[in-house]
Amino acid sequence: MVTTNTMQPAAPNDAQLVAECLAGNRQAFGRIVERHQTLVCSLAYSATGSLTQSEDLAQQTFVIAWRQLRELREPAR
């Protein structure tokens, strides 16, 4: 019996996704949001104690991140 191992390409890191965003790939920013939304929402909920407020804060955070992406000093972080 012959088995083949198919290797999945490595997921791009945050710096690569930021570079893709800056090159015009909006889907790359969606991947950044997917990757970090749980943490951002959790932090916002811890700060507010309100699910509704935390969701609004998280959304605002990502909108600001999108608008200021070119000013990011450390894309890997």
PDB file of N, CA and C in Angstrom:
ATOM      1  N   MET A   1       0.840  -1.163   0.000  1.00  0.00           N
ATOM      2  CA  MET A   1       0.000   0.000   0.000  1.00  0.00           C
ATOM      3  C   MET A   1       0.893   1.237   0.000  1.00  0.00           C
ATOM      4  N   VAL A   2       0.572   2.190  -0.859  1.00  0.00           N
ATOM      5  CA  VAL A   2       1.332   3.421  -0.970  1.00  0.00           C
ATOM      6  C   VAL A   2       0.490   4.556  -0.408  1.00  0.00           C
ATOM      7  N   THR A   3       1.094   5.287   0.488  1.00  0.00           N
ATOM      8  CA  THR A   3       0.410   6.463   1.018  1.00  0.00           C
ATOM      9  C   THR A   3       1.199   7.696   0.631  1.00  0.00           C
ATOM     10  N   THR A   4       0.482   8.749   0.436  1.00  0.00           N
ATOM     11  CA  THR A   4       1.157  10.002   0.110  1.00  0.00           C
ATOM     12  C   THR A   4       0.807  11.013   1.174  1.00  0.00           C
ATOM     13  N   ASN A   5       1.785  11.724   1.574  1.00  0.00           N
ATOM     14  CA  ASN A   5       1.576  12.797   2.533  1.00  0.00           C
ATOM     15  C   ASN A   5       1.491  14.101   1.758  1.00  0.00           C
ATOM     16  N   THR A   6       0.360  14.720   1.840  1.00  0.00           N
ATOM     17  CA  THR A   6       0.241  16.018   1.200  1.00  0.00           C
ATOM     18  C   THR A   6       0.503  17.075   2.247  1.00  0.00           C
ATOM     19  N   MET A   7       1.405  17.932   1.934  1.00  0.00           N
ATOM     20  CA  MET A   7       1.760  18.975   2.879  1.00  0.00           C
ATOM     21  C   MET A   7       0.893  20.200   2.608  1.00  0.00           C
ATOM     22  N   GLN A   8       0.307  20.695   3.658  1.00  0.00           N
ATOM     23  CA  GLN A   8      -0.473  21.919   3.569  1.00  0.00           C
ATOM     24  C   GLN A   8       0.500  23.095   3.572  1.00  0.00           C
ATOM     25  N   PRO A   9       0.251  24.092   2.752  1.00  0.00           N
ATOM     26  CA  PRO A   9       1.122  25.265   2.828  1.00  0.00           C
ATOM     27  C   PRO A   9       0.960  25.942   4.188  1.00  0.00           C
ATOM     28  N   ALA A  10       2.034  26.471   4.679  1.00  0.00           N
ATOM     29  CA  ALA A  10       1.996  27.141   5.983  1.00  0.00           C
ATOM     30  C   ALA A  10       1.088  28.363   5.893  1.00  0.00           C
ATOM     31  N   ALA A  11       0.332  28.579   6.943  1.00  0.00           N
ATOM     32  CA  ALA A  11      -0.520  29.761   6.988  1.00  0.00           C
ATOM     33  C   ALA A  11       0.364  30.998   7.056  1.00  0.00           C
ATOM     34  N   PRO A  12      -0.016  32.043   6.344  1.00  0.00           N
ATOM     35  CA  PRO A  12       0.812  33.253   6.397  1.00  0.00           C
ATOM     36  C   PRO A  12       0.796  33.855   7.801  1.00  0.00           C
ATOM     37  N   ASN A  13       1.926  34.414   8.188  1.00  0.00           N
ATOM     38  CA  ASN A  13       1.981  35.067   9.496  1.00  0.00           C
ATOM     39  C   ASN A  13       1.381  36.464   9.377  1.00  0.00           C
ATOM     40  N   ASP A  14       1.266  37.142  10.504  1.00  0.00           N
ATOM     41  CA  ASP A  14       0.624  38.457  10.502  1.00  0.00           C
ATOM     42  C   ASP A  14       1.366  39.455   9.610  1.00  0.00           C
ATOM     43  N   ALA A  15       2.682  39.422   9.617  1.00  0.00           N
ATOM     44  CA  ALA A  15       3.450  40.357   8.787  1.00  0.00           C
ATOM     45  C   ALA A  15       3.144  40.137   7.309  1.00  0.00           C
ATOM     46  N   GLN A  16       3.028  38.881   6.903  1.00  0.00           N
ATOM     47  CA  GLN A  16       2.692  38.588   5.508  1.00  0.00           C
ATOM     48  C   GLN A  16       1.280  39.063   5.174  1.00  0.00           C
ATOM     49  N   LEU A  17       0.355  38.865   6.101  1.00  0.00           N
ATOM     50  CA  LEU A  17      -1.017  39.319   5.871  1.00  0.00           C
ATOM     51  C   LEU A  17      -1.088  40.842   5.785  1.00  0.00           C
ATOM     52  N   VAL A  18      -0.336  41.528   6.627  1.00  0.00           N
ATOM     53  CA  VAL A  18      -0.304  42.990   6.569  1.00  0.00           C
ATOM     54  C   VAL A  18       0.243  43.434   5.217  1.00  0.00           C
ATOM     55  N   ALA A  19       1.308  42.802   4.760  1.00  0.00           N
ATOM     56  CA  ALA A  19       1.879  43.149   3.456  1.00  0.00           C
ATOM     57  C   ALA A  19       0.859  42.931   2.342  1.00  0.00           C
ATOM     58  N   GLU A  20       0.099  41.840   2.430  1.00  0.00           N
ATOM     59  CA  GLU A  20      -0.937  41.580   1.435  1.00  0.00           C
ATOM     60  C   GLU A  20      -2.028  42.644   1.490  1.00  0.00           C
ATOM     61  N   CYS A  21      -2.403  43.051   2.691  1.00  0.00           N
ATOM     62  CA  CYS A  21      -3.401  44.116   2.847  1.00  0.00           C
ATOM     63  C   CYS A  21      -2.922  45.400   2.181  1.00  0.00           C
ATOM     64  N   LEU A  22      -1.681  45.751   2.457  1.00  0.00           N
ATOM     65  CA  LEU A  22      -1.127  46.981   1.907  1.00  0.00           C
ATOM     66  C   LEU A  22      -0.991  46.925   0.391  1.00  0.00           C
ATOM     67  N   ALA A  23      -0.944  45.705  -0.138  1.00  0.00           N
ATOM     68  CA  ALA A  23      -0.885  45.527  -1.585  1.00  0.00           C
ATOM     69  C   ALA A  23      -2.281  45.493  -2.208  1.00  0.00           C
ATOM     70  N   GLY A  24      -3.314  45.649  -1.361  1.00  0.00           N
ATOM     71  CA  GLY A  24      -4.674  45.725  -1.887  1.00  0.00           C
ATOM     72  C   GLY A  24      -5.553  44.516  -1.658  1.00  0.00           C
ATOM     73  N   ASN A  25      -5.055  43.514  -0.954  1.00  0.00           N
ATOM     74  CA  ASN A  25      -5.834  42.299  -0.709  1.00  0.00           C
ATOM     75  C   ASN A  25      -6.681  42.472   0.553  1.00  0.00           C
ATOM     76  N   ARG A  26      -7.955  42.790   0.374  1.00  0.00           N
ATOM     77  CA  ARG A  26      -8.845  43.007   1.522  1.00  0.00           C
ATOM     78  C   ARG A  26      -9.151  41.711   2.252  1.00  0.00           C
ATOM     79  N   GLN A  27      -9.110  40.601   1.555  1.00  0.00           N
ATOM     80  CA  GLN A  27      -9.356  39.309   2.204  1.00  0.00           C
ATOM     81  C   GLN A  27      -8.286  39.004   3.241  1.00  0.00           C
ATOM     82  N   ALA A  28      -7.091  39.494   3.030  1.00  0.00           N
ATOM     83  CA  ALA A  28      -6.011  39.277   3.998  1.00  0.00           C
ATOM     84  C   ALA A  28      -6.354  39.941   5.321  1.00  0.00           C
ATOM     85  N   PHE A  29      -6.987  41.114   5.268  1.00  0.00           N
ATOM     86  CA  PHE A  29      -7.382  41.762   6.519  1.00  0.00           C
ATOM     87  C   PHE A  29      -8.468  40.953   7.215  1.00  0.00           C
ATOM     88  N   GLY A  30      -9.347  40.348   6.448  1.00  0.00           N
ATOM     89  CA  GLY A  30     -10.358  39.468   7.030  1.00  0.00           C
ATOM     90  C   GLY A  30      -9.727  38.316   7.790  1.00  0.00           C
ATOM     91  N   ARG A  31      -8.630  37.802   7.268  1.00  0.00           N
ATOM     92  CA  ARG A  31      -7.915  36.720   7.958  1.00  0.00           C
ATOM     93  C   ARG A  31      -7.289  37.220   9.250  1.00  0.00           C
ATOM     94  N   ILE A  32      -6.806  38.461   9.244  1.00  0.00           N
ATOM     95  CA  ILE A  32      -6.263  39.046  10.472  1.00  0.00           C
ATOM     96  C   ILE A  32      -7.370  39.170  11.514  1.00  0.00           C
ATOM     97  N   VAL A  33      -8.522  39.651  11.082  1.00  0.00           N
ATOM     98  CA  VAL A  33      -9.657  39.798  11.996  1.00  0.00           C
ATOM     99  C   VAL A  33     -10.046  38.436  12.563  1.00  0.00           C
ATOM    100  N   GLU A  34     -10.180  37.435  11.702  1.00  0.00           N
ATOM    101  CA  GLU A  34     -10.541  36.092  12.164  1.00  0.00           C
ATOM    102  C   GLU A  34      -9.534  35.580  13.193  1.00  0.00           C
ATOM    103  N   ARG A  35      -8.280  35.846  12.952  1.00  0.00           N
ATOM    104  CA  ARG A  35      -7.220  35.355  13.817  1.00  0.00           C
ATOM    105  C   ARG A  35      -7.242  36.009  15.199  1.00  0.00           C
ATOM    106  N   HIS A  36      -7.648  37.273  15.271  1.00  0.00           N
ATOM    107  CA  HIS A  36      -7.509  38.032  16.515  1.00  0.00           C
ATOM    108  C   HIS A  36      -8.833  38.470  17.146  1.00  0.00           C
ATOM    109  N   GLN A  37      -9.957  38.185  16.509  1.00  0.00           N
ATOM    110  CA  GLN A  37     -11.217  38.714  17.026  1.00  0.00           C
ATOM    111  C   GLN A  37     -11.587  38.167  18.402  1.00  0.00           C
ATOM    112  N   THR A  38     -11.281  36.916  18.678  1.00  0.00           N
ATOM    113  CA  THR A  38     -11.621  36.360  19.985  1.00  0.00           C
ATOM    114  C   THR A  38     -10.880  37.098  21.094  1.00  0.00           C
ATOM    115  N   LEU A  39      -9.607  37.340  20.904  1.00  0.00           N
ATOM    116  CA  LEU A  39      -8.818  38.058  21.903  1.00  0.00           C
ATOM    117  C   LEU A  39      -9.320  39.488  22.081  1.00  0.00           C
ATOM    118  N   VAL A  40      -9.546  40.184  20.969  1.00  0.00           N
ATOM    119  CA  VAL A  40      -9.993  41.576  21.050  1.00  0.00           C
ATOM    120  C   VAL A  40     -11.358  41.661  21.726  1.00  0.00           C
ATOM    121  N   CYS A  41     -12.262  40.771  21.351  1.00  0.00           N
ATOM    122  CA  CYS A  41     -13.596  40.766  21.973  1.00  0.00           C
ATOM    123  C   CYS A  41     -13.511  40.440  23.462  1.00  0.00           C
ATOM    124  N   SER A  42     -12.655  39.506  23.812  1.00  0.00           N
ATOM    125  CA  SER A  42     -12.498  39.131  25.218  1.00  0.00           C
ATOM    126  C   SER A  42     -11.946  40.285  26.043  1.00  0.00           C
ATOM    127  N   LEU A  43     -10.956  40.962  25.513  1.00  0.00           N
ATOM    128  CA  LEU A  43     -10.396  42.118  26.224  1.00  0.00           C
ATOM    129  C   LEU A  43     -11.432  43.225  26.371  1.00  0.00           C
ATOM    130  N   ALA A  44     -12.185  43.463  25.317  1.00  0.00           N
ATOM    131  CA  ALA A  44     -13.218  44.498  25.374  1.00  0.00           C
ATOM    132  C   ALA A  44     -14.303  44.123  26.375  1.00  0.00           C
ATOM    133  N   TYR A  45     -14.658  42.850  26.427  1.00  0.00           N
ATOM    134  CA  TYR A  45     -15.670  42.408  27.390  1.00  0.00           C
ATOM    135  C   TYR A  45     -15.150  42.538  28.818  1.00  0.00           C
ATOM    136  N   SER A  46     -13.895  42.202  29.023  1.00  0.00           N
ATOM    137  CA  SER A  46     -13.296  42.346  30.358  1.00  0.00           C
ATOM    138  C   SER A  46     -13.312  43.801  30.817  1.00  0.00           C
ATOM    139  N   ALA A  47     -13.120  44.700  29.881  1.00  0.00           N
ATOM    140  CA  ALA A  47     -13.083  46.123  30.218  1.00  0.00           C
ATOM    141  C   ALA A  47     -14.474  46.706  30.459  1.00  0.00           C
ATOM    142  N   THR A  48     -15.489  46.172  29.760  1.00  0.00           N
ATOM    143  CA  THR A  48     -16.817  46.783  29.826  1.00  0.00           C
ATOM    144  C   THR A  48     -17.832  45.968  30.617  1.00  0.00           C
ATOM    145  N   GLY A  49     -17.688  44.651  30.602  1.00  0.00           N
ATOM    146  CA  GLY A  49     -18.675  43.786  31.240  1.00  0.00           C
ATOM    147  C   GLY A  49     -19.967  43.689  30.453  1.00  0.00           C
ATOM    148  N   SER A  50     -19.974  44.230  29.262  1.00  0.00           N
ATOM    149  CA  SER A  50     -21.170  44.240  28.424  1.00  0.00           C
ATOM    150  C   SER A  50     -20.855  43.604  27.077  1.00  0.00           C
ATOM    151  N   LEU A  51     -21.631  42.606  26.700  1.00  0.00           N
ATOM    152  CA  LEU A  51     -21.409  41.947  25.416  1.00  0.00           C
ATOM    153  C   LEU A  51     -21.624  42.912  24.257  1.00  0.00           C
ATOM    154  N   THR A  52     -22.680  43.694  24.329  1.00  0.00           N
ATOM    155  CA  THR A  52     -22.975  44.644  23.250  1.00  0.00           C
ATOM    156  C   THR A  52     -21.865  45.678  23.115  1.00  0.00           C
ATOM    157  N   GLN A  53     -21.447  46.256  24.230  1.00  0.00           N
ATOM    158  CA  GLN A  53     -20.369  47.245  24.182  1.00  0.00           C
ATOM    159  C   GLN A  53     -19.061  46.629  23.707  1.00  0.00           C
ATOM    160  N   SER A  54     -18.794  45.405  24.135  1.00  0.00           N
ATOM    161  CA  SER A  54     -17.542  44.764  23.738  1.00  0.00           C
ATOM    162  C   SER A  54     -17.518  44.491  22.239  1.00  0.00           C
ATOM    163  N   GLU A  55     -18.654  44.110  21.676  1.00  0.00           N
ATOM    164  CA  GLU A  55     -18.723  43.881  20.230  1.00  0.00           C
ATOM    165  C   GLU A  55     -18.507  45.189  19.471  1.00  0.00           C
ATOM    166  N   ASP A  56     -19.122  46.271  19.963  1.00  0.00           N
ATOM    167  CA  ASP A  56     -18.938  47.580  19.331  1.00  0.00           C
ATOM    168  C   ASP A  56     -17.482  48.029  19.410  1.00  0.00           C
ATOM    169  N   LEU A  57     -16.874  47.853  20.578  1.00  0.00           N
ATOM    170  CA  LEU A  57     -15.461  48.227  20.740  1.00  0.00           C
ATOM    171  C   LEU A  57     -14.551  47.407  19.839  1.00  0.00           C
ATOM    172  N   ALA A  58     -14.820  46.121  19.748  1.00  0.00           N
ATOM    173  CA  ALA A  58     -14.006  45.262  18.887  1.00  0.00           C
ATOM    174  C   ALA A  58     -14.124  45.706  17.434  1.00  0.00           C
ATOM    175  N   GLN A  59     -15.337  46.008  17.001  1.00  0.00           N
ATOM    176  CA  GLN A  59     -15.527  46.463  15.629  1.00  0.00           C
ATOM    177  C   GLN A  59     -14.782  47.772  15.393  1.00  0.00           C
ATOM    178  N   GLN A  60     -14.900  48.703  16.322  1.00  0.00           N
ATOM    179  CA  GLN A  60     -14.187  49.973  16.196  1.00  0.00           C
ATOM    180  C   GLN A  60     -12.674  49.762  16.154  1.00  0.00           C
ATOM    181  N   THR A  61     -12.203  48.820  16.950  1.00  0.00           N
ATOM    182  CA  THR A  61     -10.769  48.514  16.984  1.00  0.00           C
ATOM    183  C   THR A  61     -10.285  48.060  15.614  1.00  0.00           C
ATOM    184  N   PHE A  62     -11.029  47.168  14.985  1.00  0.00           N
ATOM    185  CA  PHE A  62     -10.610  46.662  13.680  1.00  0.00           C
ATOM    186  C   PHE A  62     -10.763  47.711  12.576  1.00  0.00           C
ATOM    187  N   VAL A  63     -11.754  48.573  12.682  1.00  0.00           N
ATOM    188  CA  VAL A  63     -11.894  49.660  11.700  1.00  0.00           C
ATOM    189  C   VAL A  63     -10.703  50.608  11.799  1.00  0.00           C
ATOM    190  N   ILE A  64     -10.332  50.951  13.032  1.00  0.00           N
ATOM    191  CA  ILE A  64      -9.171  51.827  13.229  1.00  0.00           C
ATOM    192  C   ILE A  64      -7.897  51.137  12.734  1.00  0.00           C
ATOM    193  N   ALA A  65      -7.770  49.852  13.022  1.00  0.00           N
ATOM    194  CA  ALA A  65      -6.592  49.103  12.555  1.00  0.00           C
ATOM    195  C   ALA A  65      -6.508  49.145  11.035  1.00  0.00           C
ATOM    196  N   TRP A  66      -7.632  48.968  10.356  1.00  0.00           N
ATOM    197  CA  TRP A  66      -7.658  48.994   8.885  1.00  0.00           C
ATOM    198  C   TRP A  66      -7.221  50.370   8.377  1.00  0.00           C
ATOM    199  N   ARG A  67      -7.752  51.408   8.988  1.00  0.00           N
ATOM    200  CA  ARG A  67      -7.448  52.773   8.538  1.00  0.00           C
ATOM    201  C   ARG A  67      -5.991  53.157   8.789  1.00  0.00           C
ATOM    202  N   GLN A  68      -5.399  52.606   9.835  1.00  0.00           N
ATOM    203  CA  GLN A  68      -4.038  52.998  10.205  1.00  0.00           C
ATOM    204  C   GLN A  68      -3.002  51.920   9.890  1.00  0.00           C
ATOM    205  N   LEU A  69      -3.353  50.992   9.041  1.00  0.00           N
ATOM    206  CA  LEU A  69      -2.473  49.865   8.748  1.00  0.00           C
ATOM    207  C   LEU A  69      -1.116  50.307   8.197  1.00  0.00           C
ATOM    208  N   ARG A  70      -1.098  51.353   7.399  1.00  0.00           N
ATOM    209  CA  ARG A  70       0.160  51.838   6.817  1.00  0.00           C
ATOM    210  C   ARG A  70       1.114  52.399   7.871  1.00  0.00           C
ATOM    211  N   GLU A  71       0.577  52.769   9.015  1.00  0.00           N
ATOM    212  CA  GLU A  71       1.399  53.350  10.080  1.00  0.00           C
ATOM    213  C   GLU A  71       1.927  52.298  11.048  1.00  0.00           C
ATOM    214  N   LEU A  72       1.587  51.067  10.831  1.00  0.00           N
ATOM    215  CA  LEU A  72       1.995  49.986  11.728  1.00  0.00           C
ATOM    216  C   LEU A  72       3.510  49.846  11.746  1.00  0.00           C
ATOM    217  N   ARG A  73       4.091  49.883  12.941  1.00  0.00           N
ATOM    218  CA  ARG A  73       5.553  49.826  13.066  1.00  0.00           C
ATOM    219  C   ARG A  73       6.075  48.396  13.085  1.00  0.00           C
ATOM    220  N   GLU A  74       5.320  47.479  13.673  1.00  0.00           N
ATOM    221  CA  GLU A  74       5.772  46.103  13.799  1.00  0.00           C
ATOM    222  C   GLU A  74       4.685  45.155  13.277  1.00  0.00           C
ATOM    223  N   PRO A  75       4.612  44.959  11.961  1.00  0.00           N
ATOM    224  CA  PRO A  75       3.552  44.129  11.378  1.00  0.00           C
ATOM    225  C   PRO A  75       3.496  42.696  11.919  1.00  0.00           C
ATOM    226  N   ALA A  76       4.593  42.174  12.369  1.00  0.00           N
ATOM    227  CA  ALA A  76       4.603  40.790  12.881  1.00  0.00           C
ATOM    228  C   ALA A  76       3.884  40.689  14.221  1.00  0.00           C
ATOM    229  N   ARG A  77       3.668  41.801  14.868  1.00  0.00           N
ATOM    230  CA  ARG A  77       3.022  41.797  16.174  1.00  0.00           C
ATOM    231  C   ARG A  77       1.587  42.203  16.040  1.00  0.00           C
TER     232      ARG A  77
END
